[in-house]
PDB file of N, CA and C in Angstrom:
ATOM      1  N   MET A   1       0.837  -1.174   0.000  1.00  0.00           N
ATOM      2  CA  MET A   1       0.000   0.000   0.000  1.00  0.00           C
ATOM      3  C   MET A   1       0.888   1.246   0.000  1.00  0.00           C
ATOM      4  N   ASP A   2       0.522   2.234  -0.784  1.00  0.00           N
ATOM      5  CA  ASP A   2       1.298   3.463  -0.898  1.00  0.00           C
ATOM      6  C   ASP A   2       1.077   4.326   0.347  1.00  0.00           C
ATOM      7  N   PRO A   3       2.157   4.731   1.046  1.00  0.00           N
ATOM      8  CA  PRO A   3       2.000   5.510   2.267  1.00  0.00           C
ATOM      9  C   PRO A   3       1.641   6.979   2.033  1.00  0.00           C
ATOM     10  N   ARG A   4       1.679   7.421   0.780  1.00  0.00           N
ATOM     11  CA  ARG A   4       1.400   8.834   0.503  1.00  0.00           C
ATOM     12  C   ARG A   4      -0.095   9.131   0.648  1.00  0.00           C
ATOM     13  N   PRO A   5      -0.404  10.300   1.200  1.00  0.00           N
ATOM     14  CA  PRO A   5      -1.815  10.698   1.233  1.00  0.00           C
ATOM     15  C   PRO A   5      -2.284  11.047  -0.182  1.00  0.00           C
ATOM     16  N   PRO A   6      -3.592  11.028  -0.426  1.00  0.00           N
ATOM     17  CA  PRO A   6      -4.094  11.375  -1.756  1.00  0.00           C
ATOM     18  C   PRO A   6      -3.686  12.798  -2.142  1.00  0.00           C
ATOM     19  N   VAL A   7      -3.447  12.999  -3.417  1.00  0.00           N
ATOM     20  CA  VAL A   7      -3.071  14.319  -3.928  1.00  0.00           C
ATOM     21  C   VAL A   7      -4.340  15.073  -4.289  1.00  0.00           C
ATOM     22  N   VAL A   8      -4.462  16.273  -3.770  1.00  0.00           N
ATOM     23  CA  VAL A   8      -5.580  17.141  -4.123  1.00  0.00           C
ATOM     24  C   VAL A   8      -5.131  17.978  -5.316  1.00  0.00           C
ATOM     25  N   VAL A   9      -5.811  17.802  -6.435  1.00  0.00           N
ATOM     26  CA  VAL A   9      -5.414  18.467  -7.673  1.00  0.00           C
ATOM     27  C   VAL A   9      -6.433  19.565  -7.989  1.00  0.00           C
ATOM     28  N   PRO A  10      -5.976  20.819  -8.107  1.00  0.00           N
ATOM     29  CA  PRO A  10      -6.887  21.895  -8.495  1.00  0.00           C
ATOM     30  C   PRO A  10      -7.489  21.627  -9.876  1.00  0.00           C
ATOM     31  N   ARG A  11      -8.675  22.164 -10.133  1.00  0.00           N
ATOM     32  CA  ARG A  11      -9.380  21.912 -11.394  1.00  0.00           C
ATOM     33  C   ARG A  11      -8.601  22.371 -12.625  1.00  0.00           C
ATOM     34  N   ASP A  12      -7.728  23.356 -12.477  1.00  0.00           N
ATOM     35  CA  ASP A  12      -6.992  23.877 -13.631  1.00  0.00           C
ATOM     36  C   ASP A  12      -5.625  23.223 -13.798  1.00  0.00           C
ATOM     37  N   LYS A  13      -5.376  22.138 -13.070  1.00  0.00           N
ATOM     38  CA  LYS A  13      -4.088  21.441 -13.130  1.00  0.00           C
ATOM     39  C   LYS A  13      -4.274  19.993 -13.552  1.00  0.00           C
ATOM     40  N   LEU A  14      -3.206  19.403 -14.071  1.00  0.00           N
ATOM     41  CA  LEU A  14      -3.161  17.989 -14.429  1.00  0.00           C
ATOM     42  C   LEU A  14      -2.099  17.323 -13.562  1.00  0.00           C
ATOM     43  N   PHE A  15      -2.426  16.195 -12.961  1.00  0.00           N
ATOM     44  CA  PHE A  15      -1.486  15.453 -12.118  1.00  0.00           C
ATOM     45  C   PHE A  15      -0.729  14.453 -12.982  1.00  0.00           C
ATOM     46  N   LEU A  16       0.594  14.582 -13.037  1.00  0.00           N
ATOM     47  CA  LEU A  16       1.405  13.708 -13.889  1.00  0.00           C
ATOM     48  C   LEU A  16       2.173  12.639 -13.114  1.00  0.00           C
ATOM     49  N   GLY A  17       2.206  12.721 -11.811  1.00  0.00           N
ATOM     50  CA  GLY A  17       2.939  11.745 -11.009  1.00  0.00           C
ATOM     51  C   GLY A  17       3.717  12.444  -9.911  1.00  0.00           C
ATOM     52  N   PHE A  18       4.786  11.804  -9.471  1.00  0.00           N
ATOM     53  CA  PHE A  18       5.612  12.347  -8.399  1.00  0.00           C
ATOM     54  C   PHE A  18       7.050  12.507  -8.863  1.00  0.00           C
ATOM     55  N   THR A  19       7.765  13.448  -8.263  1.00  0.00           N
ATOM     56  CA  THR A  19       9.184  13.606  -8.539  1.00  0.00           C
ATOM     57  C   THR A  19       9.902  12.356  -8.034  1.00  0.00           C
ATOM     58  N   PRO A  20      10.983  11.965  -8.696  1.00  0.00           N
ATOM     59  CA  PRO A  20      11.727  10.794  -8.204  1.00  0.00           C
ATOM     60  C   PRO A  20      12.424  11.132  -6.885  1.00  0.00           C
ATOM     61  N   THR A  21      12.564  10.125  -6.031  1.00  0.00           N
ATOM     62  CA  THR A  21      13.291  10.330  -4.776  1.00  0.00           C
ATOM     63  C   THR A  21      14.718   9.852  -4.960  1.00  0.00           C
ATOM     64  N   ASP A  22      15.628  10.418  -4.177  1.00  0.00           N
ATOM     65  CA  ASP A  22      17.045  10.060  -4.300  1.00  0.00           C
ATOM     66  C   ASP A  22      17.523   9.170  -3.159  1.00  0.00           C
ATOM     67  N   GLY A  23      16.588   8.629  -2.371  1.00  0.00           N
ATOM     68  CA  GLY A  23      16.962   7.754  -1.269  1.00  0.00           C
ATOM     69  C   GLY A  23      17.337   8.499  -0.004  1.00  0.00           C
ATOM     70  N   SER A  24      17.229   9.832   0.000  1.00  0.00           N
ATOM     71  CA  SER A  24      17.623  10.623   1.161  1.00  0.00           C
ATOM     72  C   SER A  24      16.506  10.723   2.197  1.00  0.00           C
ATOM     73  N   GLY A  25      15.366  10.115   1.923  1.00  0.00           N
ATOM     74  CA  GLY A  25      14.240  10.215   2.839  1.00  0.00           C
ATOM     75  C   GLY A  25      13.345  11.399   2.540  1.00  0.00           C
ATOM     76  N   ARG A  26      13.751  12.208   1.574  1.00  0.00           N
ATOM     77  CA  ARG A  26      12.943  13.371   1.196  1.00  0.00           C
ATOM     78  C   ARG A  26      11.682  12.889   0.491  1.00  0.00           C
ATOM     79  N   GLU A  27      10.545  13.509   0.806  1.00  0.00           N
ATOM     80  CA  GLU A  27       9.276  13.106   0.187  1.00  0.00           C
ATOM     81  C   GLU A  27       9.229  13.478  -1.281  1.00  0.00           C
ATOM     82  N   ALA A  28       8.638  12.604  -2.066  1.00  0.00           N
ATOM     83  CA  ALA A  28       8.413  12.903  -3.475  1.00  0.00           C
ATOM     84  C   ALA A  28       7.304  13.950  -3.568  1.00  0.00           C
ATOM     85  N   GLU A  29       7.488  14.923  -4.425  1.00  0.00           N
ATOM     86  CA  GLU A  29       6.508  15.990  -4.619  1.00  0.00           C
ATOM     87  C   GLU A  29       5.630  15.673  -5.815  1.00  0.00           C
ATOM     88  N   PRO A  30       4.334  16.010  -5.758  1.00  0.00           N
ATOM     89  CA  PRO A  30       3.484  15.810  -6.930  1.00  0.00           C
ATOM     90  C   PRO A  30       3.903  16.747  -8.059  1.00  0.00           C
ATOM     91  N   VAL A  31       3.828  16.244  -9.279  1.00  0.00           N
ATOM     92  CA  VAL A  31       4.129  17.063 -10.461  1.00  0.00           C
ATOM     93  C   VAL A  31       2.794  17.467 -11.078  1.00  0.00           C
ATOM     94  N   LEU A  32       2.535  18.775 -11.092  1.00  0.00           N
ATOM     95  CA  LEU A  32       1.290  19.305 -11.632  1.00  0.00           C
ATOM     96  C   LEU A  32       1.603  20.180 -12.837  1.00  0.00           C
ATOM     97  N   LEU A  33       0.786  20.064 -13.862  1.00  0.00           N
ATOM     98  CA  LEU A  33       0.937  20.859 -15.078  1.00  0.00           C
ATOM     99  C   LEU A  33      -0.339  21.660 -15.254  1.00  0.00           C
ATOM    100  N   GLY A  34      -0.196  22.937 -15.533  1.00  0.00           N
ATOM    101  CA  GLY A  34      -1.366  23.771 -15.763  1.00  0.00           C
ATOM    102  C   GLY A  34      -2.083  23.351 -17.043  1.00  0.00           C
ATOM    103  N   ARG A  35      -3.387  23.120 -16.943  1.00  0.00           N
ATOM    104  CA  ARG A  35      -4.160  22.710 -18.122  1.00  0.00           C
ATOM    105  C   ARG A  35      -4.077  23.759 -19.219  1.00  0.00           C
ATOM    106  N   ASP A  36      -4.027  25.025 -18.846  1.00  0.00           N
ATOM    107  CA  ASP A  36      -3.959  26.101 -19.835  1.00  0.00           C
ATOM    108  C   ASP A  36      -2.579  26.224 -20.490  1.00  0.00           C
ATOM    109  N   ASP A  37      -1.587  25.497 -19.975  1.00  0.00           N
ATOM    110  CA  ASP A  37      -0.262  25.488 -20.617  1.00  0.00           C
ATOM    111  C   ASP A  37      -0.287  24.718 -21.925  1.00  0.00           C
ATOM    112  N   LEU A  38      -1.315  23.904 -22.140  1.00  0.00           N
ATOM    113  CA  LEU A  38      -1.432  23.092 -23.346  1.00  0.00           C
ATOM    114  C   LEU A  38      -2.477  23.725 -24.269  1.00  0.00           C
ATOM    115  N   VAL A  39      -2.129  24.856 -24.863  1.00  0.00           N
ATOM    116  CA  VAL A  39      -3.127  25.587 -25.647  1.00  0.00           C
ATOM    117  C   VAL A  39      -3.101  25.262 -27.139  1.00  0.00           C
ATOM    118  N   THR A  40      -2.004  24.741 -27.648  1.00  0.00           N
ATOM    119  CA  THR A  40      -1.972  24.430 -29.084  1.00  0.00           C
ATOM    120  C   THR A  40      -1.545  22.985 -29.320  1.00  0.00           C
ATOM    121  N   HIS A  41      -0.261  22.753 -29.415  1.00  0.00           N
ATOM    122  CA  HIS A  41       0.244  21.425 -29.737  1.00  0.00           C
ATOM    123  C   HIS A  41       1.276  21.000 -28.702  1.00  0.00           C
ATOM    124  N   GLY A  42       1.476  19.704 -28.608  1.00  0.00           N
ATOM    125  CA  GLY A  42       2.498  19.180 -27.720  1.00  0.00           C
ATOM    126  C   GLY A  42       3.165  17.980 -28.362  1.00  0.00           C
ATOM    127  N   VAL A  43       4.378  17.706 -27.939  1.00  0.00           N
ATOM    128  CA  VAL A  43       5.102  16.546 -28.446  1.00  0.00           C
ATOM    129  C   VAL A  43       5.907  15.970 -27.282  1.00  0.00           C
ATOM    130  N   ILE A  44       6.015  14.653 -27.237  1.00  0.00           N
ATOM    131  CA  ILE A  44       6.812  13.985 -26.219  1.00  0.00           C
ATOM    132  C   ILE A  44       7.973  13.310 -26.934  1.00  0.00           C
ATOM    133  N   LEU A  45       9.174  13.719 -26.603  1.00  0.00           N
ATOM    134  CA  LEU A  45      10.380  13.172 -27.226  1.00  0.00           C
ATOM    135  C   LEU A  45      11.250  12.513 -26.166  1.00  0.00           C
ATOM    136  N   GLY A  46      11.967  11.477 -26.543  1.00  0.00           N
ATOM    137  CA  GLY A  46      12.880  10.826 -25.615  1.00  0.00           C
ATOM    138  C   GLY A  46      13.463   9.566 -26.222  1.00  0.00           C
ATOM    139  N   ARG A  47      14.457   9.042 -25.548  1.00  0.00           N
ATOM    140  CA  ARG A  47      15.114   7.817 -25.995  1.00  0.00           C
ATOM    141  C   ARG A  47      14.227   6.609 -25.752  1.00  0.00           C
ATOM    142  N   THR A  48      14.564   5.515 -26.382  1.00  0.00           N
ATOM    143  CA  THR A  48      13.856   4.256 -26.171  1.00  0.00           C
ATOM    144  C   THR A  48      13.897   3.887 -24.690  1.00  0.00           C
ATOM    145  N   GLY A  49      12.732   3.543 -24.155  1.00  0.00           N
ATOM    146  CA  GLY A  49      12.661   3.124 -22.763  1.00  0.00           C
ATOM    147  C   GLY A  49      12.645   4.252 -21.758  1.00  0.00           C
ATOM    148  N   SER A  50      12.498   5.502 -22.211  1.00  0.00           N
ATOM    149  CA  SER A  50      12.556   6.637 -21.285  1.00  0.00           C
ATOM    150  C   SER A  50      11.218   6.976 -20.654  1.00  0.00           C
ATOM    151  N   GLY A  51      10.121   6.323 -21.069  1.00  0.00           N
ATOM    152  CA  GLY A  51       8.830   6.555 -20.451  1.00  0.00           C
ATOM    153  C   GLY A  51       7.887   7.439 -21.238  1.00  0.00           C
ATOM    154  N   LYS A  52       8.134   7.600 -22.533  1.00  0.00           N
ATOM    155  CA  LYS A  52       7.287   8.462 -23.363  1.00  0.00           C
ATOM    156  C   LYS A  52       5.843   7.961 -23.402  1.00  0.00           C
ATOM    157  N   THR A  53       5.649   6.679 -23.611  1.00  0.00           N
ATOM    158  CA  THR A  53       4.296   6.128 -23.689  1.00  0.00           C
ATOM    159  C   THR A  53       3.588   6.253 -22.351  1.00  0.00           C
ATOM    160  N   GLY A  54       4.287   5.983 -21.258  1.00  0.00           N
ATOM    161  CA  GLY A  54       3.695   6.121 -19.930  1.00  0.00           C
ATOM    162  C   GLY A  54       3.258   7.551 -19.657  1.00  0.00           C
ATOM    163  N   LEU A  55       4.117   8.513 -19.974  1.00  0.00           N
ATOM    164  CA  LEU A  55       3.757   9.918 -19.803  1.00  0.00           C
ATOM    165  C   LEU A  55       2.580  10.286 -20.691  1.00  0.00           C
ATOM    166  N   GLY A  56       2.604   9.819 -21.929  1.00  0.00           N
ATOM    167  CA  GLY A  56       1.504  10.109 -22.852  1.00  0.00           C
ATOM    168  C   GLY A  56       0.188   9.553 -22.353  1.00  0.00           C
ATOM    169  N   ALA A  57       0.200   8.342 -21.825  1.00  0.00           N
ATOM    170  CA  ALA A  57      -1.023   7.724 -21.324  1.00  0.00           C
ATOM    171  C   ALA A  57      -1.580   8.501 -20.141  1.00  0.00           C
ATOM    172  N   VAL A  58      -0.705   8.902 -19.219  1.00  0.00           N
ATOM    173  CA  VAL A  58      -1.142   9.686 -18.060  1.00  0.00           C
ATOM    174  C   VAL A  58      -1.692  11.030 -18.514  1.00  0.00           C
ATOM    175  N   LEU A  59      -0.998  11.675 -19.439  1.00  0.00           N
ATOM    176  CA  LEU A  59      -1.420  12.987 -19.927  1.00  0.00           C
ATOM    177  C   LEU A  59      -2.764  12.913 -20.644  1.00  0.00           C
ATOM    178  N   VAL A  60      -2.946  11.925 -21.500  1.00  0.00           N
ATOM    179  CA  VAL A  60      -4.215  11.760 -22.215  1.00  0.00           C
ATOM    180  C   VAL A  60      -5.345  11.474 -21.226  1.00  0.00           C
ATOM    181  N   GLU A  61      -5.087  10.633 -20.224  1.00  0.00           N
ATOM    182  CA  GLU A  61      -6.111  10.321 -19.228  1.00  0.00           C
ATOM    183  C   GLU A  61      -6.501  11.564 -18.435  1.00  0.00           C
ATOM    184  N   GLU A  62      -5.520  12.320 -17.988  1.00  0.00           N
ATOM    185  CA  GLU A  62      -5.805  13.533 -17.216  1.00  0.00           C
ATOM    186  C   GLU A  62      -6.575  14.555 -18.051  1.00  0.00           C
ATOM    187  N   LEU A  63      -6.181  14.705 -19.319  1.00  0.00           N
ATOM    188  CA  LEU A  63      -6.900  15.639 -20.185  1.00  0.00           C
ATOM    189  C   LEU A  63      -8.335  15.182 -20.420  1.00  0.00           C
ATOM    190  N   ALA A  64      -8.528  13.889 -20.616  1.00  0.00           N
ATOM    191  CA  ALA A  64      -9.878  13.367 -20.821  1.00  0.00           C
ATOM    192  C   ALA A  64     -10.744  13.603 -19.584  1.00  0.00           C
ATOM    193  N   LEU A  65     -10.171  13.377 -18.405  1.00  0.00           N
ATOM    194  CA  LEU A  65     -10.913  13.608 -17.168  1.00  0.00           C
ATOM    195  C   LEU A  65     -11.260  15.084 -16.980  1.00  0.00           C
ATOM    196  N   SER A  66     -10.442  15.964 -17.583  1.00  0.00           N
ATOM    197  CA  SER A  66     -10.686  17.409 -17.487  1.00  0.00           C
ATOM    198  C   SER A  66     -11.601  17.915 -18.585  1.00  0.00           C
ATOM    199  N   GLY A  67     -12.010  17.031 -19.487  1.00  0.00           N
ATOM    200  CA  GLY A  67     -12.902  17.440 -20.568  1.00  0.00           C
ATOM    201  C   GLY A  67     -12.206  18.122 -21.729  1.00  0.00           C
ATOM    202  N   VAL A  68     -10.896  17.954 -21.844  1.00  0.00           N
ATOM    203  CA  VAL A  68     -10.129  18.559 -22.932  1.00  0.00           C
ATOM    204  C   VAL A  68     -10.015  17.547 -24.065  1.00  0.00           C
ATOM    205  N   PRO A  69     -10.420  17.936 -25.287  1.00  0.00           N
ATOM    206  CA  PRO A  69     -10.291  16.998 -26.415  1.00  0.00           C
ATOM    207  C   PRO A  69      -8.825  16.748 -26.761  1.00  0.00           C
ATOM    208  N   VAL A  70      -8.527  15.510 -27.166  1.00  0.00           N
ATOM    209  CA  VAL A  70      -7.151  15.118 -27.474  1.00  0.00           C
ATOM    210  C   VAL A  70      -7.131  14.366 -28.793  1.00  0.00           C
ATOM    211  N   ILE A  71      -6.178  14.690 -29.635  1.00  0.00           N
ATOM    212  CA  ILE A  71      -5.894  13.918 -30.843  1.00  0.00           C
ATOM    213  C   ILE A  71      -4.485  13.366 -30.675  1.00  0.00           C
ATOM    214  N   VAL A  72      -4.347  12.050 -30.755  1.00  0.00           N
ATOM    215  CA  VAL A  72      -3.050  11.412 -30.577  1.00  0.00           C
ATOM    216  C   VAL A  72      -2.576  10.891 -31.917  1.00  0.00           C
ATOM    217  N   VAL A  73      -1.371  11.294 -32.314  1.00  0.00           N
ATOM    218  CA  VAL A  73      -0.735  10.771 -33.521  1.00  0.00           C
ATOM    219  C   VAL A  73       0.408   9.881 -33.038  1.00  0.00           C
ATOM    220  N   ASP A  74       0.256   8.592 -33.244  1.00  0.00           N
ATOM    221  CA  ASP A  74       1.216   7.618 -32.736  1.00  0.00           C
ATOM    222  C   ASP A  74       1.523   6.597 -33.825  1.00  0.00           C
ATOM    223  N   PRO A  75       2.500   6.871 -34.681  1.00  0.00           N
ATOM    224  CA  PRO A  75       2.788   5.968 -35.807  1.00  0.00           C
ATOM    225  C   PRO A  75       3.133   4.540 -35.382  1.00  0.00           C
ATOM    226  N   LYS A  76       3.732   4.375 -34.223  1.00  0.00           N
ATOM    227  CA  LYS A  76       4.125   3.039 -33.768  1.00  0.00           C
ATOM    228  C   LYS A  76       2.926   2.242 -33.243  1.00  0.00           C
ATOM    229  N   GLY A  77       1.885   2.915 -32.730  1.00  0.00           N
ATOM    230  CA  GLY A  77       0.678   2.238 -32.287  1.00  0.00           C
ATOM    231  C   GLY A  77       0.617   1.885 -30.815  1.00  0.00           C
ATOM    232  N   ASP A  78       1.544   2.385 -30.004  1.00  0.00           N
ATOM    233  CA  ASP A  78       1.535   2.054 -28.581  1.00  0.00           C
ATOM    234  C   ASP A  78       0.284   2.565 -27.879  1.00  0.00           C
ATOM    235  N   MET A  79      -0.145   3.772 -28.190  1.00  0.00           N
ATOM    236  CA  MET A  79      -1.326   4.337 -27.533  1.00  0.00           C
ATOM    237  C   MET A  79      -2.586   3.591 -27.961  1.00  0.00           C
ATOM    238  N   THR A  80      -2.649   3.170 -29.211  1.00  0.00           N
ATOM    239  CA  THR A  80      -3.793   2.393 -29.683  1.00  0.00           C
ATOM    240  C   THR A  80      -3.862   1.071 -28.940  1.00  0.00           C
ATOM    241  N   ASN A  81      -2.723   0.436 -28.732  1.00  0.00           N
ATOM    242  CA  ASN A  81      -2.697  -0.827 -27.991  1.00  0.00           C
ATOM    243  C   ASN A  81      -3.197  -0.634 -26.563  1.00  0.00           C
ATOM    244  N   LEU A  82      -2.880   0.501 -25.936  1.00  0.00           N
ATOM    245  CA  LEU A  82      -3.385   0.775 -24.594  1.00  0.00           C
ATOM    246  C   LEU A  82      -4.898   0.933 -24.613  1.00  0.00           C
ATOM    247  N   ALA A  83      -5.435   1.588 -25.627  1.00  0.00           N
ATOM    248  CA  ALA A  83      -6.889   1.787 -25.732  1.00  0.00           C
ATOM    249  C   ALA A  83      -7.592   0.447 -25.917  1.00  0.00           C
ATOM    250  N   LEU A  84      -6.960  -0.496 -26.596  1.00  0.00           N
ATOM    251  CA  LEU A  84      -7.581  -1.795 -26.828  1.00  0.00           C
ATOM    252  C   LEU A  84      -7.701  -2.626 -25.555  1.00  0.00           C
ATOM    253  N   ALA A  85      -6.995  -2.215 -24.491  1.00  0.00           N
ATOM    254  CA  ALA A  85      -7.084  -2.939 -23.220  1.00  0.00           C
ATOM    255  C   ALA A  85      -8.426  -2.702 -22.541  1.00  0.00           C
ATOM    256  N   PHE A  86      -9.177  -1.702 -23.012  1.00  0.00           N
ATOM    257  CA  PHE A  86     -10.491  -1.393 -22.450  1.00  0.00           C
ATOM    258  C   PHE A  86     -11.539  -1.761 -23.494  1.00  0.00           C
ATOM    259  N   PRO A  87     -12.228  -2.891 -23.314  1.00  0.00           N
ATOM    260  CA  PRO A  87     -13.108  -3.430 -24.344  1.00  0.00           C
ATOM    261  C   PRO A  87     -14.097  -2.441 -24.938  1.00  0.00           C
ATOM    262  N   ARG A  88     -14.733  -1.615 -24.112  1.00  0.00           N
ATOM    263  CA  ARG A  88     -15.706  -0.666 -24.657  1.00  0.00           C
ATOM    264  C   ARG A  88     -15.160   0.757 -24.632  1.00  0.00           C
ATOM    265  N   LEU A  89     -13.844   0.890 -24.541  1.00  0.00           N
ATOM    266  CA  LEU A  89     -13.163   2.175 -24.458  1.00  0.00           C
ATOM    267  C   LEU A  89     -13.723   3.026 -23.330  1.00  0.00           C
ATOM    268  N   ALA A  90     -14.157   2.370 -22.268  1.00  0.00           N
ATOM    269  CA  ALA A  90     -14.683   3.069 -21.094  1.00  0.00           C
ATOM    270  C   ALA A  90     -13.534   3.468 -20.195  1.00  0.00           C
TER     271      ALA A  90
END
């Protein structure tokens, strides 16, 4: 069970996860992104295995929960494969 208390996210923010900890005992901080910061286009770039798909999935989910329309262009098909895990896309 995760010992962290639930994160309270303001309506104008998107919760992307927590900052990594360095083993010093310092608490991980929530990473919040302003919904209005995404006004036109966005792109996620990174090396293989760096977490691009994971970040994209979290970002798309948070935007959907906020009622923001999203168009995903994913030539490799990773995001489509994630959507197929939900039989009725619920």
